[in-house]
Amino acid sequence: MKILVTDPIDDAGLDVLRDAGHEVETAYELEGEALLEAVSTAHGLIVRSGTEVTRGVLEAGENLVIVGRAGIGVDNIDIEAATDEGVIVANAPEGNVRAAAEHTVAMTFAAARSIPQAHARLKDGEWAKSEFLGTELNGKTLGIVGLGRVGQEVAKKLDALGMDLVAYDPYISEERADRLGAELVDLETCLERGDFLTIHTPLTPETEGLIGDAELERFGHGYLVNVGRGGIVDEDALAAKVEQGVVAGAALDVFREEPLPEDSPLLFVEDVIVTPHLGASTEAAQENVATSTAEQVVAALAEEPVANALNAPSIDESAFPRLEPYINIAETAGKIAAQVLDARIESIEVRYEGDIAEEDVEFVTASALKGVFEPLEWQVNAVNAPQIAEDRGVDVTESKSRQSEDFQSLISVTVSSGDDAITVDGTLFAGDDPRIVRIDDYRVDAIPHGKMVVTRNTDEPGVIGLIGTVMGAHGVNIAGMFNAREAHGGEALTVYNVDGEVPGEARQELEADERIIRVRYITLNG
């Protein structure tokens, strides 16, 4: 079959394709009609970030089976259109984990020993030996923010160098952290105890601006290293704290705006080291990404499972029409449950009742896990979500019952942390109309879409009015409301669909009222 490669990839990837007997055409910098003509006869398409795979391109690829992205990000690929056209989209999320971890270690050493600064001075003709007194890593404490795949790799490498490890990650198990030699702590403790701080968490609404002025003040005279995502650290505050000597130094590879603006204060502070997003820029990483992408293309063309497919369920084709809507329900229930619990997840149970229990639901369960982990990991999909659960030490169970008390089919997702647990039930009305019908023991009829607020409060007059008033005062419009209660005068739970983001101040104002037990802000659909 013909495979079109429109952005440069390592030759190792091209060799994989040719060794499998496929015809490989490399045509870089194609666009417009030339791209449409080239893809019209292709069975596979491999791109990086330079090629825009639009709906038009996918429609032109009448024989196209798969689009392989040689890298992580797929912003340049219209995945919805690919799904409509029956085209698999796959990426290579694992290829640069080791490279990013090694760059983190390199930046840590560079900051600790002022290597770039000393290099620049010597190049300028100065033998400034007495001006650079470095810090040894051995015996120091490393604070790790985000103990995902890259964070775990960094932990292994720096633990071997004699560092003590503390980690902040609300969603990983203590057992997994123990195996890595890391002590799980809260963010404040991580900042206070860390002599060095490395950041590996994804950029989400919860982590954006996570390390600001107050956190840097608490961190004190240490070294901060960020090879994760820009926007997690307040760059202006960091530059100021380093310049003032509050923070000893910093090394950053990622930034809120890239390329880094010429007027960024980071560029004018000597003890801040910056590199232009080089985390994945190694020969090995590029080779790994290329071969991983090529192997997935070969698998797809052989009608075999695709390891990192973003839009292709590995289920029997005849069963897919029956299961497809439940895939979305399971993912949404997982997202809601994880965000309502808002704690370290130790176990997940997915239960099926009614007709759905007679199906092969392995992919549906994986989709529920995807929903749980999506805010916590980069590029989670239904294929890699079970592995993420294993990596995080999360127990996953699946159960079935052909009996369903109230619905033809019901999916329940329960997430647990110690003695705390949240169960979210979802079903379909009228065939394809998704509903969240129960949260714990509270019966609701909520439309799972967009932004939601879930509140628990005492069941007494004026509480719903208070919530509406506070929302209105902060410019938040309530689009829908679904209320349930245990018993008259007991506790009540209400789900609100809202049209905009609910600011933290609004949530704090609500929780300050003694009648409000808990407020959770939830985002769905991106």
Protein backbone atom coordinates (compact mmCIF):
# COMPACT_ATOMS: atom_id res chain seq x y z
CA MET A 1 0.00 0.00 0.00
CA LYS A 2 1.06 3.60 -0.49
CA ILE A 3 2.13 5.68 2.51
CA LEU A 4 2.56 9.43 2.09
CA VAL A 5 4.99 11.20 4.44
CA THR A 6 4.57 14.98 4.29
CA ASP A 7 6.88 16.07 7.13
CA PRO A 8 10.45 14.84 7.75
CA ILE A 9 10.80 11.87 10.12
CA ASP A 10 13.82 9.80 11.09
CA ASP A 11 14.96 7.30 8.45
CA ALA A 12 14.38 4.46 10.92
CA GLY A 13 10.65 5.04 10.59
CA LEU A 14 10.80 4.99 6.80
CA ASP A 15 12.73 1.71 6.96
CA VAL A 16 9.96 0.13 9.08
CA LEU A 17 7.40 1.03 6.42
CA ARG A 18 9.51 -0.25 3.52
CA ASP A 19 10.46 -3.46 5.35
CA ALA A 20 6.74 -4.19 5.70
CA GLY A 21 6.48 -4.07 1.91
CA HIS A 22 4.78 -0.69 1.52
CA GLU A 23 5.49 2.00 -1.02
CA VAL A 24 6.72 5.18 0.71
CA GLU A 25 6.42 8.60 -0.89
CA THR A 26 8.09 11.54 0.84
CA ALA A 27 6.76 14.92 -0.26
CA TYR A 28 7.51 17.72 2.18
CA GLU A 29 5.87 21.15 2.39
CA LEU A 30 2.82 20.11 0.38
CA GLU A 31 -0.25 22.29 0.68
CA GLY A 32 -3.43 23.19 -1.14
CA GLU A 33 -4.32 21.24 -4.26
CA ALA A 34 -0.94 19.52 -4.33
CA LEU A 35 -1.61 17.96 -0.93
CA LEU A 36 -5.12 16.91 -1.91
CA GLU A 37 -3.83 15.26 -5.08
CA ALA A 38 -1.03 13.45 -3.26
CA VAL A 39 -3.26 12.08 -0.50
CA SER A 40 -5.94 10.91 -2.94
CA THR A 41 -4.01 7.71 -3.69
CA ALA A 42 -2.53 7.13 -0.22
CA HIS A 43 -3.55 4.44 2.25
CA GLY A 44 -1.52 5.91 5.09
CA LEU A 45 -0.44 9.47 5.91
CA ILE A 46 2.37 10.40 8.32
CA VAL A 47 2.75 14.00 9.46
CA ARG A 48 4.36 16.09 12.14
CA SER A 49 3.22 19.62 12.98
CA GLY A 50 3.87 21.12 9.56
CA THR A 51 0.92 19.55 7.71
CA GLU A 52 -2.65 20.61 8.40
CA VAL A 53 -4.85 17.51 8.08
CA THR A 54 -8.20 19.19 7.52
CA ARG A 55 -11.59 17.73 6.68
CA GLY A 56 -10.85 18.50 3.04
CA VAL A 57 -7.63 16.50 3.15
CA LEU A 58 -9.37 13.57 4.82
CA GLU A 59 -12.22 13.64 2.32
CA ALA A 60 -9.71 13.68 -0.51
CA GLY A 61 -8.00 10.58 0.90
CA GLU A 62 -10.58 8.11 -0.35
CA ASN A 63 -8.31 5.14 0.42
CA LEU A 64 -6.91 6.54 3.65
CA VAL A 65 -6.87 4.11 6.59
CA ILE A 66 -4.70 5.95 9.13
CA VAL A 67 -3.05 9.26 9.87
CA GLY A 68 0.04 8.84 12.02
CA ARG A 69 1.33 11.84 13.94
CA ALA A 70 5.07 11.50 14.61
CA GLY A 71 4.86 13.21 17.99
CA ILE A 72 2.35 13.92 20.75
CA GLY A 73 0.23 16.90 19.73
CA VAL A 74 -2.58 16.41 17.22
CA ASP A 75 -3.89 19.97 17.06
CA ASN A 76 -3.16 20.01 13.33
CA ILE A 77 -5.42 17.00 12.67
CA ASP A 78 -9.21 17.22 12.49
CA ILE A 79 -9.93 14.13 14.56
CA GLU A 80 -13.70 14.54 14.32
CA ALA A 81 -13.50 14.61 10.54
CA ALA A 82 -11.17 11.62 10.58
CA THR A 83 -13.70 9.69 12.62
CA ASP A 84 -16.47 10.69 10.22
CA GLU A 85 -14.36 9.40 7.33
CA GLY A 86 -13.43 6.19 9.14
CA VAL A 87 -9.74 7.15 9.36
CA ILE A 88 -7.70 6.15 12.42
CA VAL A 89 -5.60 8.89 14.03
CA ALA A 90 -2.64 7.71 16.08
CA ASN A 91 0.23 9.52 17.76
CA ALA A 92 3.47 8.62 19.56
CA PRO A 93 3.15 9.79 23.18
CA GLU A 94 5.85 7.55 24.68
CA GLY A 95 8.75 8.34 22.37
CA ASN A 96 10.01 11.41 24.19
CA VAL A 97 9.51 10.42 27.85
CA ARG A 98 13.15 9.46 28.36
CA ALA A 99 14.37 12.50 26.43
CA ALA A 100 12.26 14.89 28.52
CA ALA A 101 13.46 13.25 31.74
CA GLU A 102 17.10 13.47 30.71
CA HIS A 103 16.71 17.13 29.72
CA THR A 104 15.21 17.75 33.16
CA VAL A 105 18.27 16.20 34.78
CA ALA A 106 20.58 18.21 32.52
CA MET A 107 18.77 21.45 33.38
CA THR A 108 18.95 20.57 37.08
CA PHE A 109 22.72 20.20 36.89
CA ALA A 110 23.02 23.34 34.77
CA ALA A 111 21.12 25.37 37.37
CA ALA A 112 22.96 23.86 40.33
CA ARG A 113 26.42 24.51 38.86
CA SER A 114 25.70 27.70 36.83
CA ILE A 115 27.13 25.97 33.75
CA PRO A 116 25.71 28.30 31.03
CA GLN A 117 26.65 31.42 32.99
CA ALA A 118 30.22 30.26 33.59
CA HIS A 119 30.52 29.20 29.95
CA ALA A 120 29.40 32.62 28.72
CA ARG A 121 31.82 34.45 31.01
CA LEU A 122 34.74 32.32 29.90
CA LYS A 123 33.82 32.83 26.24
CA ASP A 124 33.93 36.56 26.94
CA GLY A 125 37.48 36.21 28.23
CA GLU A 126 36.77 36.15 31.98
CA TRP A 127 38.20 33.47 34.29
CA ALA A 128 35.45 33.94 36.90
CA LYS A 129 36.17 30.79 38.90
CA SER A 130 35.64 32.41 42.29
CA GLU A 131 32.21 33.77 41.33
CA PHE A 132 30.53 30.41 40.78
CA LEU A 133 30.07 28.26 43.86
CA GLY A 134 27.81 25.38 42.88
CA THR A 135 25.41 23.15 44.79
CA GLU A 136 25.74 19.35 44.90
CA LEU A 137 22.64 17.23 44.32
CA ASN A 138 23.73 14.41 46.62
CA GLY A 139 21.91 14.62 49.95
CA LYS A 140 19.54 17.34 48.76
CA THR A 141 15.76 16.99 48.55
CA LEU A 142 14.03 16.93 45.19
CA GLY A 143 10.41 18.08 45.08
CA ILE A 144 8.52 16.60 42.12
CA VAL A 145 5.26 18.18 41.01
CA GLY A 146 3.46 15.57 38.91
CA LEU A 147 4.52 11.94 39.26
CA GLY A 148 3.35 10.77 35.85
CA ARG A 149 5.51 9.03 33.27
CA VAL A 150 8.16 11.74 32.94
CA GLY A 151 8.09 12.53 36.66
CA GLN A 152 8.64 8.86 37.50
CA GLU A 153 11.60 8.67 35.13
CA VAL A 154 13.13 11.78 36.71
CA ALA A 155 12.56 10.30 40.17
CA LYS A 156 14.46 7.14 39.24
CA LYS A 157 17.41 9.05 37.80
CA LEU A 158 17.84 11.57 40.61
CA ASP A 159 17.18 9.03 43.35
CA ALA A 160 20.19 7.15 41.97
CA LEU A 161 22.24 10.33 42.43
CA GLY A 162 21.57 10.36 46.16
CA MET A 163 18.65 12.78 46.35
CA ASP A 164 15.76 12.43 48.77
CA LEU A 165 12.41 12.52 46.95
CA VAL A 166 9.14 14.16 47.92
CA ALA A 167 6.32 14.39 45.42
CA TYR A 168 3.05 16.24 45.00
CA ASP A 169 0.51 14.37 42.90
CA PRO A 170 -3.04 14.12 44.28
CA TYR A 171 -3.91 11.34 41.88
CA ILE A 172 -1.20 8.72 42.32
CA SER A 173 -1.20 5.98 44.94
CA GLU A 174 1.15 5.93 47.90
CA GLU A 175 2.13 2.39 46.96
CA ARG A 176 3.36 3.52 43.53
CA ALA A 177 5.23 6.47 45.05
CA ASP A 178 6.84 4.17 47.63
CA ARG A 179 8.15 1.90 44.88
CA LEU A 180 9.85 4.93 43.36
CA GLY A 181 11.35 5.93 46.70
CA ALA A 182 9.24 9.10 46.89
CA GLU A 183 7.20 10.39 49.82
CA LEU A 184 3.79 11.74 48.80
CA VAL A 185 3.11 15.15 50.37
CA ASP A 186 0.86 18.14 49.77
CA LEU A 187 2.04 21.02 47.57
CA GLU A 188 3.01 23.27 50.49
CA THR A 189 5.20 20.57 52.02
CA CYS A 190 6.73 19.77 48.65
CA LEU A 191 7.69 23.42 48.22
CA GLU A 192 8.99 23.84 51.76
CA ARG A 193 11.13 20.69 51.79
CA GLY A 194 12.45 20.79 48.25
CA ASP A 195 15.95 22.13 47.58
CA PHE A 196 15.14 21.53 43.91
CA LEU A 197 11.69 21.49 42.30
CA THR A 198 10.91 19.81 38.97
CA ILE A 199 7.54 20.13 37.25
CA HIS A 200 5.93 17.43 35.11
CA THR A 201 2.19 18.00 35.37
CA PRO A 202 -0.01 18.68 32.32
CA LEU A 203 -1.40 22.17 31.81
CA THR A 204 -5.06 22.07 32.92
CA PRO A 205 -7.41 24.65 34.45
CA GLU A 206 -6.38 23.25 37.84
CA THR A 207 -2.61 23.48 37.23
CA GLU A 208 -2.49 26.76 35.30
CA GLY A 209 -0.61 29.24 37.48
CA LEU A 210 -0.08 26.53 40.11
CA ILE A 211 3.30 27.97 41.06
CA GLY A 212 2.79 31.70 41.65
CA ASP A 213 4.25 34.41 43.82
CA ALA A 214 3.16 32.91 47.15
CA GLU A 215 4.34 29.41 46.21
CA LEU A 216 7.74 30.71 45.09
CA GLU A 217 8.07 32.60 48.37
CA ARG A 218 7.34 29.35 50.22
CA PHE A 219 9.81 27.44 48.04
CA GLY A 220 12.55 29.80 49.15
CA HIS A 221 16.20 29.52 48.27
CA GLY A 222 16.02 26.56 45.90
CA TYR A 223 16.25 25.78 42.19
CA LEU A 224 13.14 25.39 40.00
CA VAL A 225 13.23 23.34 36.77
CA ASN A 226 10.35 23.15 34.31
CA VAL A 227 10.57 20.90 31.25
CA GLY A 228 6.85 20.07 31.47
CA ARG A 229 4.38 22.68 30.25
CA GLY A 230 4.42 26.45 30.07
CA GLY A 231 1.78 28.32 32.04
CA ILE A 232 2.14 26.29 35.23
CA VAL A 233 4.73 28.70 36.64
CA ASP A 234 4.10 32.46 36.84
CA GLU A 235 7.08 33.56 34.73
CA ASP A 236 7.05 37.20 35.81
CA ALA A 237 6.94 36.21 39.48
CA LEU A 238 9.72 33.66 38.96
CA ALA A 239 12.00 36.19 37.27
CA ALA A 240 11.42 38.66 40.11
CA LYS A 241 12.04 36.10 42.86
CA VAL A 242 15.29 34.91 41.26
CA GLU A 243 16.49 38.45 40.74
CA GLN A 244 15.71 39.26 44.38
CA GLY A 245 17.56 36.18 45.56
CA VAL A 246 14.44 34.61 47.09
CA VAL A 247 14.80 31.70 44.63
CA ALA A 248 18.40 30.64 43.96
CA GLY A 249 17.91 29.88 40.29
CA ALA A 250 15.68 28.42 37.62
CA ALA A 251 15.92 26.48 34.37
CA LEU A 252 13.01 26.45 31.93
CA ASP A 253 12.46 24.70 28.62
CA VAL A 254 8.76 25.57 28.20
CA PHE A 255 6.90 28.86 28.37
CA ARG A 256 3.41 30.30 28.38
CA GLU A 257 4.08 31.88 24.98
CA GLU A 258 6.40 30.22 22.47
CA PRO A 259 8.69 31.40 20.97
CA LEU A 260 9.59 33.28 24.13
CA PRO A 261 8.94 37.02 23.58
CA GLU A 262 12.01 39.22 23.34
CA ASP A 263 10.80 41.32 26.28
CA SER A 264 10.28 38.36 28.65
CA PRO A 265 11.80 39.19 32.05
CA LEU A 266 13.25 35.66 32.12
CA LEU A 267 15.81 36.74 29.53
CA PHE A 268 17.26 39.49 31.72
CA VAL A 269 17.94 37.54 34.92
CA GLU A 270 21.38 35.89 34.97
CA ASP A 271 20.40 32.96 37.18
CA VAL A 272 17.51 31.93 34.94
CA ILE A 273 18.52 29.39 32.28
CA VAL A 274 16.27 29.03 29.23
CA THR A 275 16.23 26.59 26.31
CA PRO A 276 13.87 26.64 23.30
CA HIS A 277 11.62 23.63 24.08
CA LEU A 278 14.32 21.01 23.56
CA GLY A 279 12.80 18.33 25.80
CA ALA A 280 12.16 15.91 22.92
CA SER A 281 15.06 17.05 20.74
CA THR A 282 17.35 14.03 20.82
CA GLU A 283 18.29 11.62 18.07
CA ALA A 284 16.92 8.71 20.07
CA ALA A 285 13.61 10.45 20.75
CA GLN A 286 13.17 11.34 17.11
CA GLU A 287 13.98 7.77 16.10
CA ASN A 288 11.59 6.36 18.72
CA VAL A 289 8.79 8.66 17.59
CA ALA A 290 9.35 7.78 13.94
CA THR A 291 9.47 4.01 14.47
CA SER A 292 6.50 4.03 16.85
CA THR A 293 4.40 5.96 14.33
CA ALA A 294 5.47 3.72 11.47
CA GLU A 295 4.67 0.56 13.42
CA GLN A 296 1.16 1.82 14.11
CA VAL A 297 0.62 2.61 10.44
CA VAL A 298 1.79 -0.89 9.51
CA ALA A 299 -0.57 -2.39 12.10
CA ALA A 300 -3.55 -0.40 10.86
CA LEU A 301 -2.93 -1.40 7.25
CA ALA A 302 -2.74 -5.04 8.40
CA GLU A 303 -6.08 -4.57 10.25
CA GLU A 304 -4.38 -5.19 13.58
CA PRO A 305 -4.87 -3.20 16.84
CA VAL A 306 -3.29 0.25 16.85
CA ALA A 307 -1.55 0.92 20.17
CA ASN A 308 -2.04 4.68 20.39
CA ALA A 309 -5.19 5.17 18.34
CA LEU A 310 -7.01 8.30 19.46
CA ASN A 311 -10.32 7.59 17.78
CA ALA A 312 -10.49 3.88 16.94
CA PRO A 313 -12.14 1.43 19.36
CA SER A 314 -10.73 -2.08 19.29
CA ILE A 315 -14.10 -3.79 19.30
CA ASP A 316 -15.98 -5.94 16.84
CA GLU A 317 -17.29 -3.83 13.97
CA SER A 318 -20.80 -5.29 14.23
CA ALA A 319 -21.01 -4.35 17.94
CA PHE A 320 -19.72 -0.83 17.52
CA PRO A 321 -23.09 0.81 16.65
CA ARG A 322 -24.60 -0.60 19.85
CA LEU A 323 -21.65 0.35 22.07
CA GLU A 324 -20.63 3.70 20.63
CA PRO A 325 -23.01 5.91 22.67
CA TYR A 326 -22.09 4.07 25.87
CA ILE A 327 -18.42 4.79 25.25
CA ASN A 328 -19.17 8.50 25.64
CA ILE A 329 -21.40 7.93 28.68
CA ALA A 330 -18.67 5.90 30.42
CA GLU A 331 -16.02 8.54 29.71
CA THR A 332 -18.27 11.36 30.93
CA ALA A 333 -19.23 9.47 34.10
CA GLY A 334 -15.53 8.93 34.78
CA LYS A 335 -14.74 12.63 34.31
CA ILE A 336 -17.53 13.69 36.65
CA ALA A 337 -16.70 11.12 39.32
CA ALA A 338 -13.01 12.04 39.40
CA GLN A 339 -13.71 15.76 39.59
CA VAL A 340 -16.39 15.43 42.27
CA LEU A 341 -14.10 13.24 44.39
CA ASP A 342 -11.15 15.62 43.83
CA ALA A 343 -8.66 13.42 45.69
CA ARG A 344 -6.01 10.80 45.10
CA ILE A 345 -7.70 7.92 43.31
CA GLU A 346 -6.91 4.47 44.67
CA SER A 347 -9.52 2.35 42.93
CA ILE A 348 -12.05 2.48 40.10
CA GLU A 349 -15.05 0.23 39.60
CA VAL A 350 -17.09 0.18 36.41
CA ARG A 351 -20.41 -1.67 36.66
CA TYR A 352 -22.82 -2.56 33.85
CA GLU A 353 -26.49 -3.37 34.34
CA GLY A 354 -29.17 -4.44 31.87
CA ASP A 355 -28.67 -5.03 28.15
CA ILE A 356 -25.20 -3.46 28.08
CA ALA A 357 -23.98 -6.21 30.43
CA GLU A 358 -24.36 -8.74 27.60
CA GLU A 359 -21.84 -6.92 25.41
CA ASP A 360 -18.06 -7.08 25.25
CA VAL A 361 -17.41 -3.88 27.22
CA GLU A 362 -13.62 -3.89 27.48
CA PHE A 363 -13.31 -0.73 25.38
CA VAL A 364 -16.16 0.94 27.27
CA THR A 365 -14.35 0.33 30.55
CA ALA A 366 -11.18 1.76 29.02
CA SER A 367 -13.18 4.83 28.03
CA ALA A 368 -14.34 5.26 31.63
CA LEU A 369 -10.70 5.14 32.73
CA LYS A 370 -9.87 7.69 30.05
CA GLY A 371 -12.46 10.01 31.55
CA VAL A 372 -11.00 9.58 35.04
CA PHE A 373 -7.40 10.18 33.99
CA GLU A 374 -7.83 12.73 31.21
CA PRO A 375 -7.11 15.78 33.41
CA LEU A 376 -4.03 14.09 34.87
CA GLU A 377 -2.02 12.76 31.93
CA TRP A 378 -0.97 13.95 28.50
CA GLN A 379 -2.75 12.35 25.58
CA VAL A 380 -4.81 9.78 27.46
CA ASN A 381 -6.91 7.54 25.26
CA ALA A 382 -8.93 4.38 25.67
CA VAL A 383 -5.95 2.29 24.62
CA ASN A 384 -3.39 3.60 27.11
CA ALA A 385 -5.76 4.39 30.03
CA PRO A 386 -5.55 0.86 31.53
CA GLN A 387 -1.74 1.09 31.48
CA ILE A 388 -1.90 4.50 33.17
CA ALA A 389 -4.07 2.96 35.91
CA GLU A 390 -1.46 0.26 36.42
CA ASP A 391 1.38 2.79 36.43
CA ARG A 392 -0.44 4.86 39.07
CA GLY A 393 -1.19 1.83 41.25
CA VAL A 394 -4.96 2.21 40.82
CA ASP A 395 -7.06 -0.95 41.23
CA VAL A 396 -9.63 -1.39 38.45
CA THR A 397 -12.59 -3.76 38.67
CA GLU A 398 -15.38 -4.46 36.24
CA SER A 399 -18.69 -6.09 37.11
CA LYS A 400 -21.90 -6.96 35.28
CA SER A 401 -25.52 -7.70 36.09
CA ARG A 402 -28.19 -8.45 33.52
CA GLN A 403 -30.76 -7.03 35.91
CA SER A 404 -31.37 -3.29 36.00
CA GLU A 405 -33.90 -1.81 38.37
CA ASP A 406 -34.92 1.31 36.47
CA PHE A 407 -33.20 1.43 33.08
CA GLN A 408 -32.71 -0.75 30.04
CA SER A 409 -28.96 -0.24 30.37
CA LEU A 410 -26.95 1.52 33.06
CA ILE A 411 -23.24 2.27 33.52
CA SER A 412 -21.89 3.12 36.97
CA VAL A 413 -18.40 4.49 37.58
CA THR A 414 -17.14 4.55 41.18
CA VAL A 415 -13.86 6.22 42.12
CA SER A 416 -12.48 5.73 45.61
CA SER A 417 -9.83 7.27 47.83
CA GLY A 418 -9.54 5.56 51.17
CA ASP A 419 -12.95 5.77 52.85
CA ASP A 420 -14.24 8.36 50.36
CA ALA A 421 -15.99 7.25 47.19
CA ILE A 422 -18.18 8.79 44.51
CA THR A 423 -20.48 6.86 42.17
CA VAL A 424 -21.87 8.38 38.98
CA ASP A 425 -24.53 6.53 36.94
CA GLY A 426 -25.24 7.23 33.29
CA THR A 427 -27.67 5.93 30.71
CA LEU A 428 -29.28 6.78 27.38
CA PHE A 429 -32.77 8.16 26.88
CA ALA A 430 -34.56 7.64 23.58
CA GLY A 431 -31.69 5.67 22.16
CA ASP A 432 -28.94 8.27 22.00
CA ASP A 433 -29.76 11.02 24.51
CA PRO A 434 -27.15 10.79 27.31
CA ARG A 435 -28.10 11.48 30.92
CA ILE A 436 -26.43 11.36 34.30
CA VAL A 437 -29.18 9.81 36.41
CA ARG A 438 -27.56 9.34 39.80
CA ILE A 439 -24.66 10.72 41.82
CA ASP A 440 -24.15 8.53 44.86
CA ASP A 441 -27.64 8.02 46.28
CA TYR A 442 -29.07 11.18 44.73
CA ARG A 443 -31.34 10.65 41.74
CA VAL A 444 -30.84 13.40 39.13
CA ASP A 445 -31.57 13.92 35.44
CA ALA A 446 -28.55 15.96 34.32
CA ILE A 447 -27.40 16.69 30.80
CA PRO A 448 -23.66 15.94 30.72
CA HIS A 449 -22.25 18.77 28.64
CA GLY A 450 -19.95 21.76 28.90
CA LYS A 451 -19.40 23.16 32.38
CA MET A 452 -21.20 21.96 35.49
CA VAL A 453 -21.32 22.69 39.19
CA VAL A 454 -22.25 20.01 41.71
CA THR A 455 -23.24 21.20 45.19
CA ARG A 456 -24.13 19.39 48.39
CA ASN A 457 -26.01 21.36 50.97
CA THR A 458 -28.54 21.12 53.75
CA ASP A 459 -32.11 20.86 52.51
CA GLU A 460 -33.63 24.10 53.72
CA PRO A 461 -35.23 27.20 52.20
CA GLY A 462 -33.00 29.81 50.59
CA VAL A 463 -29.99 27.68 49.70
CA ILE A 464 -30.73 27.40 45.98
CA GLY A 465 -31.50 31.11 45.95
CA LEU A 466 -28.13 31.81 47.57
CA ILE A 467 -26.35 29.75 44.93
CA GLY A 468 -28.15 31.56 42.13
CA THR A 469 -27.37 34.94 43.66
CA VAL A 470 -23.66 34.20 44.06
CA MET A 471 -23.43 32.82 40.52
CA GLY A 472 -25.16 35.88 39.14
CA ALA A 473 -22.91 38.23 41.10
CA HIS A 474 -19.91 36.62 39.44
CA GLY A 475 -21.41 36.74 35.95
CA VAL A 476 -22.17 33.02 35.68
CA ASN A 477 -25.41 32.13 33.92
CA ILE A 478 -27.20 28.96 35.03
CA ALA A 479 -28.49 27.08 31.97
CA GLY A 480 -30.09 24.17 33.80
CA MET A 481 -30.59 22.73 37.27
CA PHE A 482 -31.29 19.22 38.57
CA ASN A 483 -32.00 18.81 42.28
CA ALA A 484 -32.32 15.75 44.54
CA ARG A 485 -32.43 15.17 48.29
CA GLU A 486 -32.11 12.31 50.75
CA ALA A 487 -35.19 13.28 52.75
CA HIS A 488 -37.00 16.42 53.80
CA GLY A 489 -34.64 18.46 55.94
CA GLY A 490 -31.64 16.22 55.25
CA GLU A 491 -28.95 16.76 52.66
CA ALA A 492 -29.53 17.73 49.03
CA LEU A 493 -27.44 17.52 45.88
CA THR A 494 -27.88 19.80 42.88
CA VAL A 495 -26.28 19.72 39.45
CA TYR A 496 -26.09 23.03 37.57
CA ASN A 497 -25.25 23.43 33.90
CA VAL A 498 -23.51 26.79 33.54
CA ASP A 499 -22.54 28.84 30.50
CA GLY A 500 -19.14 30.01 31.72
CA GLU A 501 -16.27 29.31 34.06
CA VAL A 502 -17.06 29.55 37.75
CA PRO A 503 -14.29 31.58 39.41
CA GLY A 504 -12.64 30.32 42.57
CA GLU A 505 -13.94 33.33 44.47
CA ALA A 506 -17.52 32.26 43.78
CA ARG A 507 -16.86 28.75 45.05
CA GLN A 508 -15.15 30.08 48.17
CA GLU A 509 -18.05 32.42 48.85
CA LEU A 510 -20.51 29.54 48.62
CA GLU A 511 -18.49 27.20 50.81
CA ALA A 512 -18.20 29.94 53.44
CA ASP A 513 -21.94 29.53 54.06
CA GLU A 514 -22.54 26.90 56.73
CA ARG A 515 -25.43 25.43 54.74
CA ILE A 516 -23.14 24.53 51.82
CA ILE A 517 -21.28 21.25 52.38
CA ARG A 518 -19.31 21.00 49.15
CA VAL A 519 -19.00 22.75 45.80
CA ARG A 520 -17.35 21.08 42.81
CA TYR A 521 -16.76 22.78 39.45
CA ILE A 522 -16.61 20.29 36.55
CA THR A 523 -15.54 20.73 32.95
CA LEU A 524 -16.60 18.35 30.18
CA ASN A 525 -16.13 18.32 26.40
CA GLY A 526 -12.66 19.85 26.58
